[in-house]
Amino acid sequence: TARFFYKDVYIDRVFTGNTVDVPELANISLVKIGVFTEDITTT
C-alpha cells in the first residue's frame, strides 16, 4: 500500500509490483509518499 500524505489528509493506493498511480493532487506544495505492508513500513 502506498500512502500519499498532505495537509493532514492521506490517500492509500493498494498495488502489486513496483509502480502505483499518484492520485490527483491540488493546492499543495509537498506530498509525503511511503509504502507499507502488514509487516513492513517505510519512512
All heavy atoms as atom14 arrays in JSON, in Angstrom:
{
  "sequence": "TARFFYKDVYIDRVFTGNTVDVPELANISLVKIGVFTEDITTT",
  "atom14_mask": [
    [1, 1, 1, 1, 1, 1, 1, 0, 0, 0, 0, 0, 0, 0],
    [1, 1, 1, 1, 1, 0, 0, 0, 0, 0, 0, 0, 0, 0],
    [1, 1, 1, 1, 1, 1, 1, 1, 1, 1, 1, 0, 0, 0],
    [1, 1, 1, 1, 1, 1, 1, 1, 1, 1, 1, 0, 0, 0],
    [1, 1, 1, 1, 1, 1, 1, 1, 1, 1, 1, 0, 0, 0],
    [1, 1, 1, 1, 1, 1, 1, 1, 1, 1, 1, 1, 0, 0],
    [1, 1, 1, 1, 1, 1, 1, 1, 1, 0, 0, 0, 0, 0],
    [1, 1, 1, 1, 1, 1, 1, 1, 0, 0, 0, 0, 0, 0],
    [1, 1, 1, 1, 1, 1, 1, 0, 0, 0, 0, 0, 0, 0],
    [1, 1, 1, 1, 1, 1, 1, 1, 1, 1, 1, 1, 0, 0],
    [1, 1, 1, 1, 1, 1, 1, 1, 0, 0, 0, 0, 0, 0],
    [1, 1, 1, 1, 1, 1, 1, 1, 0, 0, 0, 0, 0, 0],
    [1, 1, 1, 1, 1, 1, 1, 1, 1, 1, 1, 0, 0, 0],
    [1, 1, 1, 1, 1, 1, 1, 0, 0, 0, 0, 0, 0, 0],
    [1, 1, 1, 1, 1, 1, 1, 1, 1, 1, 1, 0, 0, 0],
    [1, 1, 1, 1, 1, 1, 1, 0, 0, 0, 0, 0, 0, 0],
    [1, 1, 1, 1, 0, 0, 0, 0, 0, 0, 0, 0, 0, 0],
    [1, 1, 1, 1, 1, 1, 1, 1, 0, 0, 0, 0, 0, 0],
    [1, 1, 1, 1, 1, 1, 1, 0, 0, 0, 0, 0, 0, 0],
    [1, 1, 1, 1, 1, 1, 1, 0, 0, 0, 0, 0, 0, 0],
    [1, 1, 1, 1, 1, 1, 1, 1, 0, 0, 0, 0, 0, 0],
    [1, 1, 1, 1, 1, 1, 1, 0, 0, 0, 0, 0, 0, 0],
    [1, 1, 1, 1, 1, 1, 1, 0, 0, 0, 0, 0, 0, 0],
    [1, 1, 1, 1, 1, 1, 1, 1, 1, 0, 0, 0, 0, 0],
    [1, 1, 1, 1, 1, 1, 1, 1, 0, 0, 0, 0, 0, 0],
    [1, 1, 1, 1, 1, 0, 0, 0, 0, 0, 0, 0, 0, 0],
    [1, 1, 1, 1, 1, 1, 1, 1, 0, 0, 0, 0, 0, 0],
    [1, 1, 1, 1, 1, 1, 1, 1, 0, 0, 0, 0, 0, 0],
    [1, 1, 1, 1, 1, 1, 0, 0, 0, 0, 0, 0, 0, 0],
    [1, 1, 1, 1, 1, 1, 1, 1, 0, 0, 0, 0, 0, 0],
    [1, 1, 1, 1, 1, 1, 1, 0, 0, 0, 0, 0, 0, 0],
    [1, 1, 1, 1, 1, 1, 1, 1, 1, 0, 0, 0, 0, 0],
    [1, 1, 1, 1, 1, 1, 1, 1, 0, 0, 0, 0, 0, 0],
    [1, 1, 1, 1, 0, 0, 0, 0, 0, 0, 0, 0, 0, 0],
    [1, 1, 1, 1, 1, 1, 1, 0, 0, 0, 0, 0, 0, 0],
    [1, 1, 1, 1, 1, 1, 1, 1, 1, 1, 1, 0, 0, 0],
    [1, 1, 1, 1, 1, 1, 1, 0, 0, 0, 0, 0, 0, 0],
    [1, 1, 1, 1, 1, 1, 1, 1, 1, 0, 0, 0, 0, 0],
    [1, 1, 1, 1, 1, 1, 1, 1, 0, 0, 0, 0, 0, 0],
    [1, 1, 1, 1, 1, 1, 1, 1, 0, 0, 0, 0, 0, 0],
    [1, 1, 1, 1, 1, 1, 1, 0, 0, 0, 0, 0, 0, 0],
    [1, 1, 1, 1, 1, 1, 1, 0, 0, 0, 0, 0, 0, 0],
    [1, 1, 1, 1, 1, 1, 1, 0, 0, 0, 0, 0, 0, 0]
  ],
  "atom14_positions": [
    [[0.86, -1.19, 0.0], [0.0, 0.0, 0.0], [0.88, 1.22, 0.0], [1.78, 1.36, 0.84], [-0.92, 0.03, 1.24], [-1.7, -1.17, 1.26], [-1.84, 1.24, 1.2], [0.0, 0.0, 0.0], [0.0, 0.0, 0.0], [0.0, 0.0, 0.0], [0.0, 0.0, 0.0], [0.0, 0.0, 0.0], [0.0, 0.0, 0.0], [0.0, 0.0, 0.0]],
    [[0.65, 2.11, -0.96], [1.35, 3.4, -0.99], [0.45, 4.42, -0.3], [-0.75, 4.44, -0.53], [1.61, 3.84, -2.43], [0.0, 0.0, 0.0], [0.0, 0.0, 0.0], [0.0, 0.0, 0.0], [0.0, 0.0, 0.0], [0.0, 0.0, 0.0], [0.0, 0.0, 0.0], [0.0, 0.0, 0.0], [0.0, 0.0, 0.0], [0.0, 0.0, 0.0]],
    [[1.05, 5.23, 0.56], [0.3, 6.28, 1.24], [0.81, 7.63, 0.75], [2.01, 7.9, 0.77], [0.44, 6.17, 2.75], [-0.26, 7.32, 3.48], [-0.49, 7.02, 4.93], [-1.55, 6.0, 5.03], [-1.96, 5.49, 6.19], [-1.41, 5.87, 7.32], [-2.92, 4.58, 6.2], [0.0, 0.0, 0.0], [0.0, 0.0, 0.0], [0.0, 0.0, 0.0]],
    [[-0.13, 8.46, 0.31], [0.15, 9.83, -0.13], [-0.44, 10.75, 0.94], [-1.66, 10.79, 1.13], [-0.5, 10.09, -1.49], [0.02, 9.18, -2.56], [-0.53, 7.92, -2.75], [1.07, 9.57, -3.37], [-0.04, 7.06, -3.72], [1.56, 8.73, -4.35], [1.01, 7.47, -4.53], [0.0, 0.0, 0.0], [0.0, 0.0, 0.0], [0.0, 0.0, 0.0]],
    [[0.43, 11.46, 1.67], [0.02, 12.25, 2.82], [0.3, 13.72, 2.57], [1.41, 14.1, 2.2], [0.77, 11.76, 4.07], [0.33, 12.43, 5.34], [-0.78, 11.97, 6.02], [1.02, 13.51, 5.84], [-1.19, 12.58, 7.2], [0.62, 14.12, 7.01], [-0.49, 13.66, 7.69], [0.0, 0.0, 0.0], [0.0, 0.0, 0.0], [0.0, 0.0, 0.0]],
    [[-0.72, 14.55, 2.79], [-0.58, 16.0, 2.64], [-1.7, 16.7, 3.4], [-2.81, 16.17, 3.51], [-0.63, 16.41, 1.15], [-1.88, 15.95, 0.45], [-2.99, 16.78, 0.34], [-1.97, 14.67, -0.08], [-4.15, 16.35, -0.29], [-3.12, 14.24, -0.7], [-4.2, 15.08, -0.8], [-5.35, 14.65, -1.4], [0.0, 0.0, 0.0], [0.0, 0.0, 0.0]],
    [[-1.42, 17.86, 3.94], [-2.42, 18.69, 4.64], [-3.28, 17.88, 5.6], [-4.5, 18.0, 5.62], [-3.33, 19.39, 3.63], [-2.68, 20.49, 2.85], [-3.73, 21.21, 2.03], [-3.15, 22.42, 1.33], [-4.17, 23.14, 0.57], [0.0, 0.0, 0.0], [0.0, 0.0, 0.0], [0.0, 0.0, 0.0], [0.0, 0.0, 0.0], [0.0, 0.0, 0.0]],
    [[-2.68, 17.03, 6.43], [-3.41, 16.2, 7.4], [-4.43, 15.26, 6.76], [-5.4, 14.86, 7.39], [-4.1, 17.08, 8.45], [-3.09, 17.83, 9.31], [-2.0, 17.28, 9.53], [-3.39, 18.95, 9.75], [0.0, 0.0, 0.0], [0.0, 0.0, 0.0], [0.0, 0.0, 0.0], [0.0, 0.0, 0.0], [0.0, 0.0, 0.0], [0.0, 0.0, 0.0]],
    [[-4.23, 14.94, 5.5], [-5.1, 14.01, 4.77], [-4.19, 12.97, 4.13], [-3.06, 13.27, 3.75], [-5.87, 14.76, 3.65], [-6.62, 13.81, 2.75], [-6.79, 15.8, 4.24], [0.0, 0.0, 0.0], [0.0, 0.0, 0.0], [0.0, 0.0, 0.0], [0.0, 0.0, 0.0], [0.0, 0.0, 0.0], [0.0, 0.0, 0.0], [0.0, 0.0, 0.0]],
    [[-4.69, 11.74, 4.01], [-3.92, 10.76, 3.26], [-4.83, 9.95, 2.34], [-6.02, 9.8, 2.59], [-3.1, 9.84, 4.16], [-3.9, 8.9, 5.04], [-4.35, 7.68, 4.55], [-4.18, 9.23, 6.35], [-5.07, 6.82, 5.35], [-4.89, 8.37, 7.17], [-5.34, 7.17, 6.66], [-6.05, 6.31, 7.46], [0.0, 0.0, 0.0], [0.0, 0.0, 0.0]],
    [[-4.22, 9.48, 1.27], [-4.89, 8.6, 0.31], [-4.02, 7.36, 0.19], [-2.81, 7.46, -0.04], [-5.04, 9.28, -1.07], [-5.91, 10.52, -0.96], [-5.61, 8.3, -2.09], [-5.95, 11.36, -2.21], [0.0, 0.0, 0.0], [0.0, 0.0, 0.0], [0.0, 0.0, 0.0], [0.0, 0.0, 0.0], [0.0, 0.0, 0.0], [0.0, 0.0, 0.0]],
    [[-4.63, 6.2, 0.38], [-3.92, 4.93, 0.23], [-4.25, 4.31, -1.11], [-5.4, 4.34, -1.55], [-4.31, 3.96, 1.34], [-3.72, 4.32, 2.69], [-2.78, 5.14, 2.74], [-4.19, 3.77, 3.71], [0.0, 0.0, 0.0], [0.0, 0.0, 0.0], [0.0, 0.0, 0.0], [0.0, 0.0, 0.0], [0.0, 0.0, 0.0], [0.0, 0.0, 0.0]],
    [[-3.22, 3.75, -1.76], [-3.4, 3.04, -3.02], [-2.74, 1.67, -2.89], [-1.53, 1.58, -2.67], [-2.73, 3.8, -4.18], [-3.39, 5.12, -4.53], [-4.54, 4.85, -5.48], [-5.4, 5.99, -5.7], [-5.33, 6.81, -6.74], [-4.4, 6.64, -7.65], [-6.2, 7.8, -6.85], [0.0, 0.0, 0.0], [0.0, 0.0, 0.0], [0.0, 0.0, 0.0]],
    [[-3.53, 0.61, -3.02], [-3.01, -0.75, -2.97], [-2.45, -1.09, -4.35], [-3.06, -0.75, -5.37], [-4.12, -1.74, -2.56], [-3.62, -3.17, -2.58], [-4.66, -1.37, -1.17], [0.0, 0.0, 0.0], [0.0, 0.0, 0.0], [0.0, 0.0, 0.0], [0.0, 0.0, 0.0], [0.0, 0.0, 0.0], [0.0, 0.0, 0.0], [0.0, 0.0, 0.0]],
    [[-1.29, -1.77, -4.36], [-0.67, -2.11, -5.64], [0.17, -3.37, -5.5], [0.5, -3.8, -4.4], [0.16, -0.94, -6.18], [1.41, -0.63, -5.39], [2.66, -1.01, -5.84], [1.34, 0.07, -4.18], [3.81, -0.72, -5.12], [2.47, 0.38, -3.46], [3.72, -0.02, -3.93], [0.0, 0.0, 0.0], [0.0, 0.0, 0.0], [0.0, 0.0, 0.0]],
    [[0.47, -3.97, -6.64], [1.43, -5.07, -6.71], [2.56, -4.6, -7.61], [2.42, -3.64, -8.36], [0.77, -6.34, -7.29], [0.27, -6.05, -8.59], [-0.36, -6.84, -6.39], [0.0, 0.0, 0.0], [0.0, 0.0, 0.0], [0.0, 0.0, 0.0], [0.0, 0.0, 0.0], [0.0, 0.0, 0.0], [0.0, 0.0, 0.0], [0.0, 0.0, 0.0]],
    [[3.68, -5.25, -7.52], [4.81, -4.85, -8.34], [5.53, -3.66, -7.73], [5.61, -3.52, -6.51], [0.0, 0.0, 0.0], [0.0, 0.0, 0.0], [0.0, 0.0, 0.0], [0.0, 0.0, 0.0], [0.0, 0.0, 0.0], [0.0, 0.0, 0.0], [0.0, 0.0, 0.0], [0.0, 0.0, 0.0], [0.0, 0.0, 0.0], [0.0, 0.0, 0.0]],
    [[6.02, -2.77, -8.6], [6.84, -1.65, -8.13], [6.28, -0.28, -8.51], [6.94, 0.73, -8.26], [8.26, -1.78, -8.68], [8.97, -2.99, -8.13], [8.65, -3.48, -7.05], [9.93, -3.5, -8.87], [0.0, 0.0, 0.0], [0.0, 0.0, 0.0], [0.0, 0.0, 0.0], [0.0, 0.0, 0.0], [0.0, 0.0, 0.0], [0.0, 0.0, 0.0]],
    [[5.12, -0.24, -9.15], [4.58, 1.06, -9.57], [3.16, 1.25, -9.06], [2.41, 0.29, -8.9], [4.6, 1.22, -11.1], [3.76, 0.22, -11.68], [6.0, 1.14, -11.67], [0.0, 0.0, 0.0], [0.0, 0.0, 0.0], [0.0, 0.0, 0.0], [0.0, 0.0, 0.0], [0.0, 0.0, 0.0], [0.0, 0.0, 0.0], [0.0, 0.0, 0.0]],
    [[2.82, 2.52, -8.83], [1.48, 2.88, -8.38], [1.15, 4.26, -8.94], [2.02, 5.13, -9.03], [1.38, 2.85, -6.84], [2.28, 3.86, -6.18], [-0.06, 3.03, -6.38], [0.0, 0.0, 0.0], [0.0, 0.0, 0.0], [0.0, 0.0, 0.0], [0.0, 0.0, 0.0], [0.0, 0.0, 0.0], [0.0, 0.0, 0.0], [0.0, 0.0, 0.0]],
    [[-0.11, 4.45, -9.32], [-0.55, 5.75, -9.82], [-0.68, 6.75, -8.68], [-1.18, 6.41, -7.6], [-1.9, 5.63, -10.54], [-1.8, 4.84, -11.84], [-0.69, 4.77, -12.41], [-2.83, 4.3, -12.27], [0.0, 0.0, 0.0], [0.0, 0.0, 0.0], [0.0, 0.0, 0.0], [0.0, 0.0, 0.0], [0.0, 0.0, 0.0], [0.0, 0.0, 0.0]],
    [[-0.28, 7.97, -8.94], [-0.4, 9.05, -7.96], [-1.82, 9.62, -8.06], [-2.3, 9.88, -9.17], [0.63, 10.17, -8.24], [0.45, 11.34, -7.29], [2.05, 9.61, -8.15], [0.0, 0.0, 0.0], [0.0, 0.0, 0.0], [0.0, 0.0, 0.0], [0.0, 0.0, 0.0], [0.0, 0.0, 0.0], [0.0, 0.0, 0.0], [0.0, 0.0, 0.0]],
    [[-2.5, 9.8, -6.93], [-3.84, 10.43, -7.02], [-3.7, 11.88, -7.47], [-2.64, 12.49, -7.32], [-4.36, 10.35, -5.58], [-3.14, 10.22, -4.73], [-2.11, 9.51, -5.56], [0.0, 0.0, 0.0], [0.0, 0.0, 0.0], [0.0, 0.0, 0.0], [0.0, 0.0, 0.0], [0.0, 0.0, 0.0], [0.0, 0.0, 0.0], [0.0, 0.0, 0.0]],
    [[-4.76, 12.41, -8.04], [-4.73, 13.82, -8.46], [-4.61, 14.69, -7.22], [-5.38, 14.54, -6.26], [-5.99, 14.17, -9.24], [-5.96, 15.58, -9.78], [-7.18, 15.9, -10.61], [-8.02, 15.01, -10.85], [-7.31, 17.06, -11.02], [0.0, 0.0, 0.0], [0.0, 0.0, 0.0], [0.0, 0.0, 0.0], [0.0, 0.0, 0.0], [0.0, 0.0, 0.0]],
    [[-3.65, 15.59, -7.23], [-3.37, 16.47, -6.08], [-3.71, 17.9, -6.45], [-3.62, 18.29, -7.61], [-1.89, 16.35, -5.69], [-1.4, 14.93, -5.39], [0.1, 14.91, -5.22], [-2.09, 14.38, -4.15], [0.0, 0.0, 0.0], [0.0, 0.0, 0.0], [0.0, 0.0, 0.0], [0.0, 0.0, 0.0], [0.0, 0.0, 0.0], [0.0, 0.0, 0.0]],
    [[-4.1, 18.69, -5.44], [-4.46, 20.09, -5.7], [-4.04, 20.98, -4.54], [-4.15, 20.58, -3.37], [-5.96, 20.22, -5.93], [0.0, 0.0, 0.0], [0.0, 0.0, 0.0], [0.0, 0.0, 0.0], [0.0, 0.0, 0.0], [0.0, 0.0, 0.0], [0.0, 0.0, 0.0], [0.0, 0.0, 0.0], [0.0, 0.0, 0.0], [0.0, 0.0, 0.0]],
    [[-3.54, 22.15, -4.87], [-3.24, 23.21, -3.89], [-2.28, 22.79, -2.79], [-2.47, 23.12, -1.63], [-4.54, 23.74, -3.26], [-5.37, 24.49, -4.26], [-4.86, 25.21, -5.1], [-6.68, 24.33, -4.17], [0.0, 0.0, 0.0], [0.0, 0.0, 0.0], [0.0, 0.0, 0.0], [0.0, 0.0, 0.0], [0.0, 0.0, 0.0], [0.0, 0.0, 0.0]],
    [[-1.26, 22.04, -3.14], [-0.25, 21.65, -2.14], [1.14, 21.94, -2.68], [1.34, 22.06, -3.9], [-0.38, 20.18, -1.73], [-0.14, 19.23, -2.9], [-1.73, 19.91, -1.09], [-0.04, 17.76, -2.49], [0.0, 0.0, 0.0], [0.0, 0.0, 0.0], [0.0, 0.0, 0.0], [0.0, 0.0, 0.0], [0.0, 0.0, 0.0], [0.0, 0.0, 0.0]],
    [[2.1, 22.04, -1.77], [3.48, 22.26, -2.19], [4.37, 21.07, -1.86], [5.52, 21.03, -2.28], [4.03, 23.52, -1.53], [3.96, 23.41, -0.13], [0.0, 0.0, 0.0], [0.0, 0.0, 0.0], [0.0, 0.0, 0.0], [0.0, 0.0, 0.0], [0.0, 0.0, 0.0], [0.0, 0.0, 0.0], [0.0, 0.0, 0.0], [0.0, 0.0, 0.0]],
    [[3.84, 20.09, -1.11], [4.63, 18.93, -0.73], [3.7, 17.75, -0.47], [2.66, 17.9, 0.16], [5.43, 19.23, 0.55], [6.36, 18.14, 1.04], [7.59, 18.04, 0.14], [6.79, 18.45, 2.48], [0.0, 0.0, 0.0], [0.0, 0.0, 0.0], [0.0, 0.0, 0.0], [0.0, 0.0, 0.0], [0.0, 0.0, 0.0], [0.0, 0.0, 0.0]],
    [[4.11, 16.59, -0.95], [3.4, 15.35, -0.63], [4.43, 14.37, -0.08], [5.56, 14.3, -0.56], [2.65, 14.76, -1.85], [3.6, 14.37, -2.97], [1.78, 13.58, -1.45], [0.0, 0.0, 0.0], [0.0, 0.0, 0.0], [0.0, 0.0, 0.0], [0.0, 0.0, 0.0], [0.0, 0.0, 0.0], [0.0, 0.0, 0.0], [0.0, 0.0, 0.0]],
    [[4.03, 13.66, 0.97], [4.87, 12.62, 1.56], [4.35, 11.29, 1.03], [3.15, 11.01, 1.1], [4.77, 12.65, 3.08], [5.26, 13.94, 3.68], [4.99, 13.95, 5.18], [5.36, 15.3, 5.77], [5.04, 15.34, 7.23], [0.0, 0.0, 0.0], [0.0, 0.0, 0.0], [0.0, 0.0, 0.0], [0.0, 0.0, 0.0], [0.0, 0.0, 0.0]],
    [[5.28, 10.47, 0.52], [4.9, 9.19, -0.08], [5.68, 8.08, 0.61], [6.91, 8.11, 0.65], [5.17, 9.17, -1.59], [4.46, 10.34, -2.28], [4.75, 7.83, -2.19], [4.86, 10.53, -3.74], [0.0, 0.0, 0.0], [0.0, 0.0, 0.0], [0.0, 0.0, 0.0], [0.0, 0.0, 0.0], [0.0, 0.0, 0.0], [0.0, 0.0, 0.0]],
    [[4.95, 7.11, 1.14], [5.57, 5.96, 1.78], [4.84, 4.69, 1.39], [3.81, 4.73, 0.72], [0.0, 0.0, 0.0], [0.0, 0.0, 0.0], [0.0, 0.0, 0.0], [0.0, 0.0, 0.0], [0.0, 0.0, 0.0], [0.0, 0.0, 0.0], [0.0, 0.0, 0.0], [0.0, 0.0, 0.0], [0.0, 0.0, 0.0], [0.0, 0.0, 0.0]],
    [[5.38, 3.56, 1.82], [4.8, 2.25, 1.49], [4.74, 1.41, 2.76], [5.61, 1.51, 3.62], [5.67, 1.51, 0.44], [5.07, 0.17, 0.08], [5.86, 2.35, -0.79], [0.0, 0.0, 0.0], [0.0, 0.0, 0.0], [0.0, 0.0, 0.0], [0.0, 0.0, 0.0], [0.0, 0.0, 0.0], [0.0, 0.0, 0.0], [0.0, 0.0, 0.0]],
    [[3.7, 0.59, 2.83], [3.64, -0.34, 3.95], [2.95, -1.64, 3.52], [2.22, -1.68, 2.53], [2.95, 0.28, 5.17], [1.51, 0.67, 4.95], [0.48, -0.2, 5.27], [1.18, 1.92, 4.45], [-0.85, 0.16, 5.1], [-0.14, 2.31, 4.28], [-1.16, 1.42, 4.59], [0.0, 0.0, 0.0], [0.0, 0.0, 0.0], [0.0, 0.0, 0.0]],
    [[3.24, -2.67, 4.29], [2.54, -3.95, 4.18], [2.08, -4.3, 5.58], [2.2, -3.5, 6.51], [3.47, -5.08, 3.65], [4.44, -5.37, 4.66], [4.15, -4.7, 2.36], [0.0, 0.0, 0.0], [0.0, 0.0, 0.0], [0.0, 0.0, 0.0], [0.0, 0.0, 0.0], [0.0, 0.0, 0.0], [0.0, 0.0, 0.0], [0.0, 0.0, 0.0]],
    [[1.63, -5.51, 5.74], [1.23, -5.96, 7.06], [2.43, -6.02, 8.01], [2.28, -5.84, 9.22], [0.59, -7.34, 6.92], [-0.06, -7.86, 8.17], [-0.77, -9.18, 7.91], [-1.71, -9.2, 7.09], [-0.37, -10.18, 8.54], [0.0, 0.0, 0.0], [0.0, 0.0, 0.0], [0.0, 0.0, 0.0], [0.0, 0.0, 0.0], [0.0, 0.0, 0.0]],
    [[3.64, -6.22, 7.46], [4.82, -6.44, 8.28], [5.9, -5.35, 8.2], [6.75, -5.28, 9.08], [5.49, -7.77, 7.88], [4.54, -8.94, 8.04], [3.8, -8.98, 9.04], [4.52, -9.81, 7.15], [0.0, 0.0, 0.0], [0.0, 0.0, 0.0], [0.0, 0.0, 0.0], [0.0, 0.0, 0.0], [0.0, 0.0, 0.0], [0.0, 0.0, 0.0]],
    [[5.91, -4.56, 7.14], [6.99, -3.61, 6.92], [6.42, -2.24, 6.58], [5.36, -2.14, 5.95], [7.88, -4.03, 5.72], [8.17, -5.52, 5.69], [9.19, -3.25, 5.7], [8.78, -5.99, 4.38], [0.0, 0.0, 0.0], [0.0, 0.0, 0.0], [0.0, 0.0, 0.0], [0.0, 0.0, 0.0], [0.0, 0.0, 0.0], [0.0, 0.0, 0.0]],
    [[7.14, -1.19, 6.94], [6.75, 0.16, 6.53], [8.0, 0.99, 6.25], [9.09, 0.64, 6.69], [5.86, 0.84, 7.6], [5.36, 2.07, 7.09], [6.63, 1.08, 8.89], [0.0, 0.0, 0.0], [0.0, 0.0, 0.0], [0.0, 0.0, 0.0], [0.0, 0.0, 0.0], [0.0, 0.0, 0.0], [0.0, 0.0, 0.0], [0.0, 0.0, 0.0]],
    [[7.82, 2.06, 5.5], [8.94, 2.94, 5.17], [8.75, 4.31, 5.82], [7.67, 4.64, 6.3], [9.06, 3.18, 3.65], [7.97, 4.0, 3.21], [9.1, 1.89, 2.87], [0.0, 0.0, 0.0], [0.0, 0.0, 0.0], [0.0, 0.0, 0.0], [0.0, 0.0, 0.0], [0.0, 0.0, 0.0], [0.0, 0.0, 0.0], [0.0, 0.0, 0.0]],
    [[9.8, 5.08, 5.75], [9.67, 6.5, 6.06], [8.98, 7.17, 4.88], [8.89, 6.57, 3.79], [11.06, 7.15, 6.24], [11.76, 7.04, 4.99], [11.85, 6.49, 7.35], [0.0, 0.0, 0.0], [0.0, 0.0, 0.0], [0.0, 0.0, 0.0], [0.0, 0.0, 0.0], [0.0, 0.0, 0.0], [0.0, 0.0, 0.0], [0.0, 0.0, 0.0]]
  ]
}
